[in-house]
Amino acid sequence: MAQERDLDLTLAIRHVPNLWAQLMGLTAADDLIAFCERWNITLVPWRTTGDIEKIMATWPVRKPEGLVLGPRRVWGTNAGLPVGVANRLERTARAQNIEIIPDPAQERAASHVFGLAWRLDEQRPWYHDYILSAFAVSLVAIMVRWFGAYLPPSALAPLFLMAVVYSANAYGMAAAVFSTLLSVGFYSYFFSPTPYELNVGPETAVLMILFLLVAGITSNLSGGLRQQASRAQRQAREARALFQLTRDIAIAGDTAAIFRAIVVQCNDIFDCDTVLLTPFTGGESDASLRTRGAALQAAYPPHATLTQDEIEAARWTYN
């Protein structure tokens, strides 16, 4: 968004203690610093409300063109801006006629209910899936306990299907299998006709097969939807990168600027480190393809170095 508007971008992000960041699966500080360096983003960490006040104090001197606010956090343990800080930023921005730009992640944030992310991000640790699946099964078990006085034991088992469907939809088949085993275990031990005894019989086997079938169907449908969404996002990202590359080349003043635009977009699309090589540039019209390939050299980034094997692979590919 900043590139399209030809503006500098400053990212103010909440400082998270190292241990808590690891538990929550948040992006490591080094990765974030590298990302900001790649895109020439100014990174400003903040810890308290006083840090936000210091940032706002600089606005009269260097007035921002626009302000993008991240999602609000309801509870202290959630990521995001405290509601009071977000409201203070909005009021200050409006008072200084600073444009408030809608958060691009607002649609994803809409899935948060009561401040909790019911569908975890894929980058979070794998054990979060099982912890929240177990929590869902426990909630269902409490509800089954309440209904136990009004319904026969055979009618209580299908209620555990809610936790299995939730796990399959939010986390995939592995978490759904875990929820199935936990649900069947809870039901067999606490809610069977002979409670506090682990009953393993035909009824338990049929119940487990039913739960696994529902989990498989749900996870398959959810997986298909996620793949379609991922494919659409990838196509949008590639189209955006192509537009940006075309724009950068059009306004480039020299060859180095064109090379930089190509390398930056390749780094972004393929998530790799790119080195651009140029072939033989002599004026002889009869220079053979092999001659030009033999003269392939790293042209950008400046002072880029390649091993002899990499150079030979590039020459062979070019030929």
Protein backbone atom coordinates (compact mmCIF):
# COMPACT_ATOMS: atom_id res chain seq x y z
CA MET A 1 0.00 0.00 0.00
CA ALA A 2 2.85 2.38 0.83
CA GLN A 3 4.60 1.54 -2.44
CA GLU A 4 1.46 2.21 -4.46
CA ARG A 5 1.14 5.63 -2.80
CA ASP A 6 4.91 6.26 -3.11
CA LEU A 7 5.21 6.87 0.64
CA ASP A 8 7.67 5.81 3.31
CA LEU A 9 6.39 3.22 5.79
CA THR A 10 6.99 3.20 9.53
CA LEU A 11 5.95 0.09 11.43
CA ALA A 12 5.25 0.52 15.14
CA ILE A 13 4.95 -2.92 16.69
CA ARG A 14 4.41 -4.00 20.26
CA HIS A 15 7.51 -5.42 21.91
CA VAL A 16 6.80 -8.97 23.08
CA PRO A 17 9.02 -10.73 25.67
CA ASN A 18 11.11 -13.49 24.09
CA LEU A 19 9.65 -16.40 26.05
CA TRP A 20 6.05 -15.33 25.46
CA ALA A 21 6.78 -14.79 21.75
CA GLN A 22 8.11 -18.36 21.47
CA LEU A 23 5.08 -19.81 23.26
CA MET A 24 2.67 -17.88 21.03
CA GLY A 25 4.60 -18.71 17.85
CA LEU A 26 5.04 -15.03 16.97
CA THR A 27 7.53 -13.92 14.35
CA ALA A 28 11.06 -13.79 15.70
CA ALA A 29 12.55 -10.33 16.13
CA ASP A 30 15.42 -11.10 13.75
CA ASP A 31 13.00 -12.15 11.00
CA LEU A 32 11.01 -8.96 11.45
CA ILE A 33 14.15 -6.81 11.32
CA ALA A 34 15.28 -8.56 8.13
CA PHE A 35 11.84 -8.04 6.59
CA CYS A 36 11.90 -4.32 7.37
CA GLU A 37 15.43 -3.96 5.99
CA ARG A 38 14.39 -5.65 2.74
CA TRP A 39 11.52 -3.22 2.16
CA ASN A 40 13.14 -0.09 3.65
CA ILE A 41 10.62 0.02 6.51
CA THR A 42 11.38 2.00 9.67
CA LEU A 43 10.75 -0.28 12.66
CA VAL A 44 9.68 1.34 15.95
CA PRO A 45 9.03 -1.02 18.88
CA TRP A 46 6.73 0.07 21.70
CA ARG A 47 6.07 -1.42 25.10
CA THR A 48 3.82 0.94 27.04
CA THR A 49 1.24 3.66 26.38
CA GLY A 50 3.98 6.22 27.04
CA ASP A 51 5.85 4.96 23.98
CA ILE A 52 2.76 5.55 21.85
CA GLU A 53 2.47 9.07 23.26
CA LYS A 54 6.09 9.74 22.21
CA ILE A 55 5.29 8.55 18.68
CA MET A 56 2.27 10.87 18.48
CA ALA A 57 4.37 13.76 19.79
CA THR A 58 6.44 13.62 16.58
CA TRP A 59 3.40 14.04 14.30
CA PRO A 60 3.30 17.87 14.36
CA VAL A 61 6.95 17.89 13.22
CA ARG A 62 6.65 15.18 10.58
CA LYS A 63 3.00 14.69 9.81
CA PRO A 64 2.09 11.23 8.45
CA GLU A 65 -0.02 10.97 5.31
CA GLY A 66 -2.03 8.06 6.68
CA LEU A 67 -2.46 5.82 9.70
CA VAL A 68 -3.27 2.10 9.66
CA LEU A 69 -4.34 0.61 13.01
CA GLY A 70 -4.04 -3.09 13.69
CA PRO A 71 -6.70 -5.18 15.42
CA ARG A 72 -7.76 -4.24 18.94
CA ARG A 73 -7.11 -6.61 21.81
CA VAL A 74 -9.82 -7.26 24.36
CA TRP A 75 -7.82 -9.21 26.94
CA GLY A 76 -4.31 -8.39 28.12
CA THR A 77 -2.90 -11.68 26.83
CA ASN A 78 -4.12 -11.14 23.25
CA ALA A 79 -2.04 -9.57 20.54
CA GLY A 80 -3.03 -6.22 19.14
CA LEU A 81 -3.63 -2.66 20.25
CA PRO A 82 -5.33 -1.90 23.57
CA VAL A 83 -8.74 -0.37 22.87
CA GLY A 84 -7.90 2.82 24.75
CA VAL A 85 -4.65 3.32 22.81
CA ALA A 86 -6.40 2.72 19.48
CA ASN A 87 -9.11 5.26 20.32
CA ARG A 88 -6.47 7.79 21.39
CA LEU A 89 -4.60 7.32 18.10
CA GLU A 90 -7.79 7.78 16.09
CA ARG A 91 -8.74 10.98 17.93
CA THR A 92 -5.26 12.46 17.51
CA ALA A 93 -5.13 11.52 13.82
CA ARG A 94 -8.52 13.12 13.11
CA ALA A 95 -7.54 16.27 15.00
CA GLN A 96 -4.47 16.63 12.76
CA ASN A 97 -6.34 15.69 9.55
CA ILE A 98 -4.38 12.46 9.12
CA GLU A 99 -6.13 9.89 6.94
CA ILE A 100 -7.14 6.72 8.81
CA ILE A 101 -6.69 3.84 6.37
CA PRO A 102 -8.79 0.70 6.94
CA ASP A 103 -6.78 -2.25 8.19
CA PRO A 104 -6.18 -4.73 5.30
CA ALA A 105 -6.46 -7.58 7.81
CA GLN A 106 -9.87 -6.44 9.05
CA GLU A 107 -11.67 -9.34 7.35
CA ARG A 108 -9.41 -11.87 9.05
CA ALA A 109 -9.89 -10.08 12.37
CA ALA A 110 -13.66 -10.41 11.96
CA SER A 111 -13.33 -14.12 12.78
CA HIS A 112 -12.21 -13.19 16.32
CA VAL A 113 -15.00 -13.53 18.85
CA PHE A 114 -14.60 -12.18 22.40
CA GLY A 115 -10.96 -11.44 21.55
CA LEU A 116 -10.11 -15.08 20.95
CA ALA A 117 -8.85 -16.45 17.64
CA TRP A 118 -11.05 -19.46 17.09
CA ARG A 119 -9.01 -20.46 14.07
CA LEU A 120 -5.32 -20.38 14.82
CA ASP A 121 -2.74 -19.08 12.40
CA GLU A 122 -0.73 -21.77 10.64
CA GLN A 123 2.49 -20.21 11.89
CA ARG A 124 1.64 -20.90 15.51
CA PRO A 125 3.11 -23.94 17.27
CA TRP A 126 1.52 -27.30 16.45
CA TYR A 127 0.66 -28.07 20.07
CA HIS A 128 -1.81 -25.17 20.14
CA ASP A 129 -4.11 -27.28 17.96
CA TYR A 130 -4.20 -30.07 20.53
CA ILE A 131 -4.45 -27.78 23.55
CA LEU A 132 -7.50 -25.98 22.17
CA SER A 133 -9.00 -29.24 20.90
CA ALA A 134 -8.74 -30.66 24.41
CA PHE A 135 -10.29 -27.46 25.75
CA ALA A 136 -13.21 -27.84 23.32
CA VAL A 137 -13.76 -31.46 24.38
CA SER A 138 -13.70 -30.38 28.04
CA LEU A 139 -16.35 -27.72 27.39
CA VAL A 140 -18.57 -30.29 25.70
CA ALA A 141 -18.03 -32.68 28.61
CA ILE A 142 -19.24 -30.00 31.03
CA MET A 143 -22.30 -29.40 28.87
CA VAL A 144 -22.96 -33.17 28.69
CA ARG A 145 -22.72 -33.28 32.47
CA TRP A 146 -25.47 -30.68 32.69
CA PHE A 147 -27.72 -32.54 30.25
CA GLY A 148 -27.03 -35.88 31.88
CA ALA A 149 -29.92 -35.49 34.28
CA TYR A 150 -32.44 -35.03 31.45
CA LEU A 151 -31.21 -37.32 28.66
CA PRO A 152 -30.38 -41.03 28.53
CA PRO A 153 -26.66 -41.92 28.24
CA SER A 154 -27.06 -43.03 24.63
CA ALA A 155 -28.21 -39.53 23.64
CA LEU A 156 -25.20 -37.85 25.20
CA ALA A 157 -22.54 -39.35 22.92
CA PRO A 158 -23.47 -37.34 19.75
CA LEU A 159 -22.92 -34.09 21.66
CA PHE A 160 -19.17 -34.76 21.63
CA LEU A 161 -19.39 -34.53 17.84
CA MET A 162 -19.39 -30.72 18.19
CA ALA A 163 -15.83 -30.74 19.52
CA VAL A 164 -14.69 -33.14 16.79
CA VAL A 165 -16.21 -30.99 14.03
CA TYR A 166 -14.64 -27.88 15.53
CA SER A 167 -11.17 -29.45 15.64
CA ALA A 168 -11.46 -30.85 12.12
CA ASN A 169 -12.62 -27.52 10.71
CA ALA A 170 -10.10 -25.34 12.53
CA TYR A 171 -6.96 -27.48 12.76
CA GLY A 172 -7.23 -30.46 10.39
CA MET A 173 -7.47 -34.19 10.61
CA ALA A 174 -4.68 -34.81 13.13
CA ALA A 175 -6.32 -32.63 15.78
CA ALA A 176 -9.71 -34.15 14.92
CA VAL A 177 -8.37 -37.67 15.58
CA PHE A 178 -7.04 -36.44 18.91
CA SER A 179 -10.43 -34.95 19.75
CA THR A 180 -12.14 -38.20 18.74
CA LEU A 181 -9.98 -40.31 21.04
CA LEU A 182 -10.42 -37.84 23.89
CA SER A 183 -14.20 -37.60 23.36
CA VAL A 184 -14.68 -41.36 23.23
CA GLY A 185 -12.51 -41.75 26.32
CA PHE A 186 -14.49 -39.11 28.23
CA TYR A 187 -17.80 -40.65 27.25
CA SER A 188 -16.76 -44.23 28.01
CA TYR A 189 -15.30 -43.37 31.41
CA PHE A 190 -17.67 -40.71 32.75
CA PHE A 191 -21.00 -40.99 30.92
CA SER A 192 -21.50 -44.64 29.98
CA PRO A 193 -24.17 -46.73 31.79
CA THR A 194 -21.37 -47.90 34.13
CA PRO A 195 -19.47 -44.68 34.91
CA TYR A 196 -15.88 -44.51 36.17
CA GLU A 197 -15.06 -47.70 34.30
CA LEU A 198 -13.33 -47.70 30.93
CA ASN A 199 -15.83 -49.55 28.74
CA VAL A 200 -14.46 -50.73 25.41
CA GLY A 201 -17.07 -52.56 23.36
CA PRO A 202 -18.98 -52.53 20.08
CA GLU A 203 -20.78 -49.33 20.98
CA THR A 204 -17.48 -47.55 21.61
CA ALA A 205 -16.02 -48.83 18.32
CA VAL A 206 -19.07 -47.68 16.33
CA LEU A 207 -18.95 -44.29 18.04
CA MET A 208 -15.26 -43.87 17.20
CA ILE A 209 -15.79 -44.86 13.54
CA LEU A 210 -18.67 -42.37 13.26
CA PHE A 211 -16.60 -39.56 14.75
CA LEU A 212 -13.64 -40.33 12.45
CA LEU A 213 -15.87 -40.34 9.37
CA VAL A 214 -17.34 -36.96 10.27
CA ALA A 215 -13.86 -35.63 11.05
CA GLY A 216 -12.52 -36.83 7.71
CA ILE A 217 -15.36 -35.25 5.72
CA THR A 218 -15.13 -31.96 7.63
CA SER A 219 -11.35 -31.68 7.40
CA ASN A 220 -11.45 -32.52 3.70
CA LEU A 221 -14.00 -29.80 2.97
CA SER A 222 -12.13 -27.27 5.12
CA GLY A 223 -8.83 -28.21 3.47
CA GLY A 224 -10.33 -27.64 0.02
CA LEU A 225 -11.63 -24.23 1.02
CA ARG A 226 -8.27 -23.27 2.51
CA GLN A 227 -6.48 -24.33 -0.66
CA GLN A 228 -8.82 -22.25 -2.79
CA ALA A 229 -8.29 -19.25 -0.52
CA SER A 230 -4.51 -19.78 -0.60
CA ARG A 231 -4.56 -20.08 -4.40
CA ALA A 232 -6.57 -16.87 -4.71
CA GLN A 233 -4.19 -15.05 -2.37
CA ARG A 234 -1.18 -16.30 -4.33
CA GLN A 235 -2.68 -15.14 -7.62
CA ALA A 236 -3.49 -11.76 -6.13
CA ARG A 237 0.05 -11.48 -4.76
CA GLU A 238 1.56 -12.37 -8.14
CA ALA A 239 -0.66 -9.87 -9.95
CA ARG A 240 0.28 -7.21 -7.41
CA ALA A 241 3.98 -8.02 -7.83
CA LEU A 242 3.68 -7.83 -11.62
CA PHE A 243 1.98 -4.44 -11.36
CA GLN A 244 4.65 -3.22 -8.96
CA LEU A 245 7.46 -4.54 -11.19
CA THR A 246 5.97 -2.82 -14.24
CA ARG A 247 5.64 0.42 -12.29
CA ASP A 248 9.19 0.25 -10.91
CA ILE A 249 10.66 -0.44 -14.36
CA ALA A 250 8.65 2.41 -15.89
CA ILE A 251 9.96 4.98 -13.42
CA ALA A 252 13.49 3.56 -13.20
CA GLY A 253 16.12 6.09 -14.13
CA ASP A 254 18.94 3.70 -14.95
CA THR A 255 19.82 0.05 -15.41
CA ALA A 256 20.67 -0.43 -11.72
CA ALA A 257 17.16 0.65 -10.72
CA ILE A 258 15.64 -1.83 -13.17
CA PHE A 259 17.86 -4.62 -11.82
CA ARG A 260 16.90 -3.74 -8.26
CA ALA A 261 13.17 -3.85 -9.10
CA ILE A 262 13.52 -7.30 -10.64
CA VAL A 263 15.52 -8.69 -7.71
CA VAL A 264 13.19 -7.24 -5.06
CA GLN A 265 10.07 -8.69 -6.69
CA CYS A 266 11.69 -12.11 -7.19
CA ASN A 267 12.70 -12.13 -3.53
CA ASP A 268 9.13 -11.35 -2.53
CA ILE A 269 7.34 -13.80 -4.83
CA PHE A 270 9.63 -16.79 -4.35
CA ASP A 271 10.78 -15.98 -0.79
CA CYS A 272 14.44 -16.42 -1.66
CA ASP A 273 17.66 -14.50 -2.19
CA THR A 274 17.96 -13.54 -5.86
CA VAL A 275 21.08 -12.71 -7.86
CA LEU A 276 20.57 -11.27 -11.34
CA LEU A 277 23.10 -12.28 -13.99
CA THR A 278 23.63 -10.54 -17.31
CA PRO A 279 25.02 -12.18 -20.46
CA PHE A 280 27.68 -11.03 -22.88
CA THR A 281 27.08 -7.38 -23.84
CA GLY A 282 29.62 -6.96 -26.65
CA GLY A 283 28.67 -5.21 -29.82
CA GLU A 284 29.56 -8.07 -32.17
CA SER A 285 26.40 -9.17 -33.95
CA ASP A 286 27.77 -12.61 -34.71
CA ALA A 287 28.59 -13.47 -31.09
CA SER A 288 27.36 -16.99 -30.50
CA LEU A 289 24.97 -17.99 -27.75
CA ARG A 290 27.71 -20.06 -26.12
CA THR A 291 30.03 -17.06 -26.13
CA ARG A 292 27.43 -14.87 -24.46
CA GLY A 293 26.66 -17.61 -21.94
CA ALA A 294 30.31 -18.00 -21.08
CA ALA A 295 30.38 -14.33 -20.10
CA LEU A 296 27.47 -14.53 -17.61
CA GLN A 297 28.32 -12.46 -14.55
CA ALA A 298 26.47 -11.35 -11.43
CA ALA A 299 25.05 -7.88 -12.09
CA TYR A 300 22.85 -7.24 -9.04
CA PRO A 301 22.97 -6.92 -6.04
CA PRO A 302 26.26 -5.05 -6.07
CA HIS A 303 29.23 -7.13 -5.01
CA ALA A 304 27.18 -10.34 -5.22
CA THR A 305 29.35 -13.45 -5.28
CA LEU A 306 28.51 -16.89 -6.64
CA THR A 307 30.40 -20.13 -6.40
CA GLN A 308 31.92 -21.66 -9.50
CA ASP A 309 29.27 -24.40 -9.47
CA GLU A 310 26.49 -21.80 -9.42
CA ILE A 311 28.08 -19.89 -12.29
CA GLU A 312 28.44 -23.07 -14.34
CA ALA A 313 24.83 -24.05 -13.64
CA ALA A 314 23.65 -20.61 -14.78
CA ARG A 315 25.74 -20.81 -17.96
CA TRP A 316 24.48 -24.30 -18.76
CA THR A 317 20.87 -23.16 -18.24
CA TYR A 318 21.38 -20.09 -20.39
CA ASN A 319 22.89 -22.14 -23.22
